[in-house]
Amino acid sequence: MLKDCGLQNLPFASFTQNLTWVATSLIAGALIAWAQMICFDGELKVAEPKTLRYRILHVAAVLVRRGRRLILRLDETGRGLKHSGGPS
């Protein structure tokens, strides 16, 4: 699972930068694990990070300013919430 969160290779030459990269990857893995335990059920509860990225995080959205408010408008077709032939 952690390889899918960025630990497949270390992108920097500096030890300190790679240490930061590893820490960030571990935090990402922990957030994915907690989200699966708390927010999802069924197929998504045991899905790999690659599948979660495709089906949950790749939802088209636009940030709109209305007066003094920022509104996030999500794609109404639900493309990111349904399986549409991507990775599984």
N, C-alpha and C. Protein backbone atom coordinates (compact mmCIF):
# COMPACT_ATOMS: atom_id res chain seq x y z
N MET A 1 0.82 -1.19 0.00
CA MET A 1 0.00 0.00 0.00
C MET A 1 0.87 1.26 0.00
N LEU A 2 1.96 1.26 0.74
CA LEU A 2 2.78 2.47 0.82
C LEU A 2 3.50 2.77 -0.50
N LYS A 3 3.73 1.75 -1.32
CA LYS A 3 4.32 2.02 -2.63
C LYS A 3 3.38 2.86 -3.48
N ASP A 4 2.07 2.65 -3.31
CA ASP A 4 1.09 3.45 -4.05
C ASP A 4 0.95 4.86 -3.48
N CYS A 5 1.52 5.10 -2.31
CA CYS A 5 1.46 6.43 -1.69
C CYS A 5 2.74 7.22 -1.88
N GLY A 6 3.68 6.72 -2.68
CA GLY A 6 4.87 7.49 -2.99
C GLY A 6 6.17 6.89 -2.52
N LEU A 7 6.15 5.68 -1.96
CA LEU A 7 7.39 5.09 -1.45
C LEU A 7 8.03 4.11 -2.42
N GLN A 8 7.61 4.12 -3.66
CA GLN A 8 8.20 3.22 -4.64
C GLN A 8 9.65 3.60 -4.91
N ASN A 9 9.93 4.88 -4.97
CA ASN A 9 11.31 5.35 -5.12
C ASN A 9 11.44 6.69 -4.41
N LEU A 10 12.66 7.04 -4.05
CA LEU A 10 12.91 8.31 -3.38
C LEU A 10 13.40 9.30 -4.43
N PRO A 11 12.68 10.41 -4.61
CA PRO A 11 12.94 11.30 -5.74
C PRO A 11 14.09 12.28 -5.56
N PHE A 12 14.62 12.44 -4.36
CA PHE A 12 15.61 13.48 -4.11
C PHE A 12 16.99 12.89 -3.85
N ALA A 13 18.02 13.70 -4.02
CA ALA A 13 19.40 13.28 -3.72
C ALA A 13 19.74 13.52 -2.25
N SER A 14 19.08 14.48 -1.63
CA SER A 14 19.37 14.84 -0.25
C SER A 14 18.65 13.91 0.73
N PHE A 15 19.36 13.50 1.78
CA PHE A 15 18.77 12.65 2.80
C PHE A 15 17.60 13.35 3.49
N THR A 16 17.77 14.62 3.80
CA THR A 16 16.73 15.37 4.52
C THR A 16 15.46 15.49 3.67
N GLN A 17 15.61 15.76 2.39
CA GLN A 17 14.45 15.85 1.51
C GLN A 17 13.75 14.50 1.39
N ASN A 18 14.52 13.42 1.27
CA ASN A 18 13.93 12.09 1.20
C ASN A 18 13.25 11.71 2.51
N LEU A 19 13.81 12.14 3.64
CA LEU A 19 13.19 11.88 4.94
C LEU A 19 11.83 12.57 5.02
N THR A 20 11.74 13.78 4.51
CA THR A 20 10.47 14.50 4.46
C THR A 20 9.49 13.80 3.53
N TRP A 21 9.98 13.31 2.41
CA TRP A 21 9.14 12.57 1.45
C TRP A 21 8.55 11.32 2.10
N VAL A 22 9.39 10.58 2.84
CA VAL A 22 8.92 9.36 3.51
C VAL A 22 7.88 9.70 4.56
N ALA A 23 8.12 10.74 5.35
CA ALA A 23 7.15 11.14 6.37
C ALA A 23 5.81 11.53 5.74
N THR A 24 5.86 12.27 4.64
CA THR A 24 4.64 12.66 3.95
C THR A 24 3.91 11.45 3.38
N SER A 25 4.65 10.50 2.85
CA SER A 25 4.04 9.27 2.31
C SER A 25 3.38 8.46 3.42
N LEU A 26 4.01 8.39 4.58
CA LEU A 26 3.42 7.67 5.71
C LEU A 26 2.14 8.34 6.20
N ILE A 27 2.13 9.66 6.22
CA ILE A 27 0.92 10.38 6.60
C ILE A 27 -0.19 10.12 5.59
N ALA A 28 0.15 10.13 4.30
CA ALA A 28 -0.85 9.85 3.25
C ALA A 28 -1.42 8.44 3.42
N GLY A 29 -0.56 7.47 3.70
CA GLY A 29 -1.03 6.10 3.92
C GLY A 29 -1.95 6.00 5.13
N ALA A 30 -1.60 6.70 6.20
CA ALA A 30 -2.44 6.68 7.41
C ALA A 30 -3.80 7.34 7.14
N LEU A 31 -3.80 8.45 6.40
CA LEU A 31 -5.06 9.12 6.07
C LEU A 31 -5.97 8.23 5.22
N ILE A 32 -5.37 7.52 4.27
CA ILE A 32 -6.15 6.61 3.44
C ILE A 32 -6.73 5.49 4.30
N ALA A 33 -5.92 4.93 5.19
CA ALA A 33 -6.40 3.84 6.05
C ALA A 33 -7.54 4.31 6.96
N TRP A 34 -7.41 5.47 7.56
CA TRP A 34 -8.48 6.01 8.41
C TRP A 34 -9.73 6.31 7.61
N ALA A 35 -9.57 6.88 6.43
CA ALA A 35 -10.73 7.17 5.59
C ALA A 35 -11.47 5.88 5.23
N GLN A 36 -10.73 4.83 4.94
CA GLN A 36 -11.37 3.56 4.60
C GLN A 36 -12.11 2.99 5.81
N MET A 37 -11.54 3.11 6.99
CA MET A 37 -12.20 2.57 8.18
C MET A 37 -13.44 3.36 8.57
N ILE A 38 -13.39 4.68 8.40
CA ILE A 38 -14.45 5.53 8.91
C ILE A 38 -15.50 5.89 7.85
N CYS A 39 -15.06 6.19 6.64
CA CYS A 39 -15.95 6.79 5.64
C CYS A 39 -16.55 5.83 4.62
N PHE A 40 -15.90 4.72 4.36
CA PHE A 40 -16.33 3.86 3.27
C PHE A 40 -16.85 2.53 3.77
N ASP A 41 -17.64 1.89 2.91
CA ASP A 41 -18.07 0.53 3.19
C ASP A 41 -18.05 -0.26 1.89
N GLY A 42 -18.24 -1.54 1.98
CA GLY A 42 -18.27 -2.39 0.79
C GLY A 42 -16.94 -2.45 0.08
N GLU A 43 -16.99 -2.26 -1.23
CA GLU A 43 -15.82 -2.39 -2.11
C GLU A 43 -14.73 -1.36 -1.80
N LEU A 44 -15.12 -0.14 -1.48
CA LEU A 44 -14.13 0.91 -1.22
C LEU A 44 -13.43 0.75 0.13
N LYS A 45 -14.02 0.00 1.03
CA LYS A 45 -13.40 -0.20 2.35
C LYS A 45 -12.10 -0.99 2.25
N VAL A 46 -11.97 -1.82 1.22
CA VAL A 46 -10.77 -2.65 1.05
C VAL A 46 -10.02 -2.33 -0.24
N ALA A 47 -10.38 -1.22 -0.89
CA ALA A 47 -9.77 -0.87 -2.18
C ALA A 47 -8.32 -0.41 -2.00
N GLU A 48 -7.53 -0.61 -3.04
CA GLU A 48 -6.15 -0.13 -3.07
C GLU A 48 -6.13 1.39 -3.25
N PRO A 49 -5.05 2.06 -2.84
CA PRO A 49 -4.97 3.52 -2.99
C PRO A 49 -5.16 3.99 -4.43
N LYS A 50 -4.67 3.22 -5.39
CA LYS A 50 -4.81 3.60 -6.80
C LYS A 50 -6.29 3.67 -7.19
N THR A 51 -7.07 2.72 -6.73
CA THR A 51 -8.50 2.70 -7.01
C THR A 51 -9.20 3.87 -6.32
N LEU A 52 -8.84 4.15 -5.08
CA LEU A 52 -9.44 5.28 -4.36
C LEU A 52 -9.13 6.60 -5.07
N ARG A 53 -7.89 6.75 -5.52
CA ARG A 53 -7.53 7.98 -6.25
C ARG A 53 -8.41 8.14 -7.49
N TYR A 54 -8.60 7.06 -8.22
CA TYR A 54 -9.36 7.14 -9.46
C TYR A 54 -10.84 7.39 -9.20
N ARG A 55 -11.40 6.69 -8.23
CA ARG A 55 -12.85 6.74 -8.04
C ARG A 55 -13.33 7.84 -7.11
N ILE A 56 -12.49 8.32 -6.21
CA ILE A 56 -12.94 9.33 -5.25
C ILE A 56 -12.28 10.68 -5.52
N LEU A 57 -10.97 10.70 -5.67
CA LEU A 57 -10.25 11.97 -5.76
C LEU A 57 -10.26 12.58 -7.16
N HIS A 58 -10.59 11.82 -8.18
CA HIS A 58 -10.59 12.35 -9.54
C HIS A 58 -11.99 12.78 -9.96
N VAL A 59 -12.64 13.55 -9.13
CA VAL A 59 -13.95 14.09 -9.45
C VAL A 59 -13.74 15.53 -9.89
N ALA A 60 -14.26 15.87 -11.05
CA ALA A 60 -14.10 17.22 -11.57
C ALA A 60 -14.84 18.22 -10.69
N ALA A 61 -14.21 19.36 -10.45
CA ALA A 61 -14.83 20.40 -9.63
C ALA A 61 -14.34 21.76 -10.07
N VAL A 62 -15.11 22.78 -9.75
CA VAL A 62 -14.75 24.16 -10.05
C VAL A 62 -14.96 24.98 -8.78
N LEU A 63 -13.99 25.81 -8.45
CA LEU A 63 -14.11 26.71 -7.31
C LEU A 63 -14.67 28.04 -7.81
N VAL A 64 -15.85 28.43 -7.30
CA VAL A 64 -16.56 29.61 -7.78
C VAL A 64 -16.65 30.62 -6.64
N ARG A 65 -16.44 31.88 -6.97
CA ARG A 65 -16.58 32.95 -5.98
C ARG A 65 -17.93 33.63 -6.19
N ARG A 66 -18.75 33.66 -5.16
CA ARG A 66 -20.06 34.33 -5.18
C ARG A 66 -20.08 35.32 -4.03
N GLY A 67 -19.97 36.58 -4.34
CA GLY A 67 -19.91 37.58 -3.29
C GLY A 67 -18.63 37.39 -2.49
N ARG A 68 -18.77 37.14 -1.23
CA ARG A 68 -17.61 36.89 -0.37
C ARG A 68 -17.43 35.41 -0.07
N ARG A 69 -18.16 34.56 -0.72
CA ARG A 69 -18.11 33.12 -0.46
C ARG A 69 -17.39 32.38 -1.57
N LEU A 70 -16.70 31.33 -1.18
CA LEU A 70 -16.14 30.39 -2.15
C LEU A 70 -17.00 29.14 -2.14
N ILE A 71 -17.41 28.71 -3.31
CA ILE A 71 -18.27 27.53 -3.43
C ILE A 71 -17.55 26.51 -4.30
N LEU A 72 -17.49 25.27 -3.84
CA LEU A 72 -16.92 24.18 -4.61
C LEU A 72 -18.05 23.44 -5.30
N ARG A 73 -18.07 23.52 -6.63
CA ARG A 73 -19.11 22.82 -7.40
C ARG A 73 -18.53 21.53 -7.95
N LEU A 74 -19.10 20.42 -7.53
CA LEU A 74 -18.65 19.10 -7.97
C LEU A 74 -19.38 18.69 -9.23
N ASP A 75 -18.75 17.83 -10.01
CA ASP A 75 -19.35 17.29 -11.23
C ASP A 75 -20.62 16.53 -10.87
N GLU A 76 -21.72 16.89 -11.48
CA GLU A 76 -23.01 16.28 -11.14
C GLU A 76 -23.21 14.92 -11.78
N THR A 77 -22.38 14.54 -12.73
CA THR A 77 -22.57 13.24 -13.38
C THR A 77 -22.14 12.10 -12.48
N GLY A 78 -21.32 12.38 -11.46
CA GLY A 78 -20.88 11.33 -10.55
C GLY A 78 -19.86 10.40 -11.15
N ARG A 79 -19.10 10.85 -12.16
CA ARG A 79 -18.13 10.01 -12.82
C ARG A 79 -17.14 9.40 -11.84
N GLY A 80 -16.72 10.17 -10.85
CA GLY A 80 -15.73 9.66 -9.91
C GLY A 80 -16.29 8.70 -8.90
N LEU A 81 -17.61 8.64 -8.76
CA LEU A 81 -18.21 7.77 -7.75
C LEU A 81 -18.61 6.41 -8.29
N LYS A 82 -18.65 6.26 -9.60
CA LYS A 82 -19.04 4.99 -10.21
C LYS A 82 -17.86 4.38 -10.93
N HIS A 83 -17.85 3.09 -11.03
CA HIS A 83 -16.77 2.41 -11.75
C HIS A 83 -16.99 2.59 -13.24
N SER A 84 -16.00 3.15 -13.93
CA SER A 84 -16.18 3.42 -15.37
C SER A 84 -14.99 2.88 -16.17
N GLY A 85 -14.53 1.69 -15.83
CA GLY A 85 -13.51 1.06 -16.64
C GLY A 85 -12.09 1.42 -16.27
N GLY A 86 -11.87 2.16 -15.20
CA GLY A 86 -10.52 2.53 -14.78
C GLY A 86 -9.89 1.42 -13.96
N PRO A 87 -8.82 1.73 -13.25
CA PRO A 87 -8.15 0.73 -12.44
C PRO A 87 -9.08 0.18 -11.37
N SER A 88 -8.91 -1.08 -11.04
CA SER A 88 -9.75 -1.66 -9.99
C SER A 88 -8.94 -2.44 -9.00
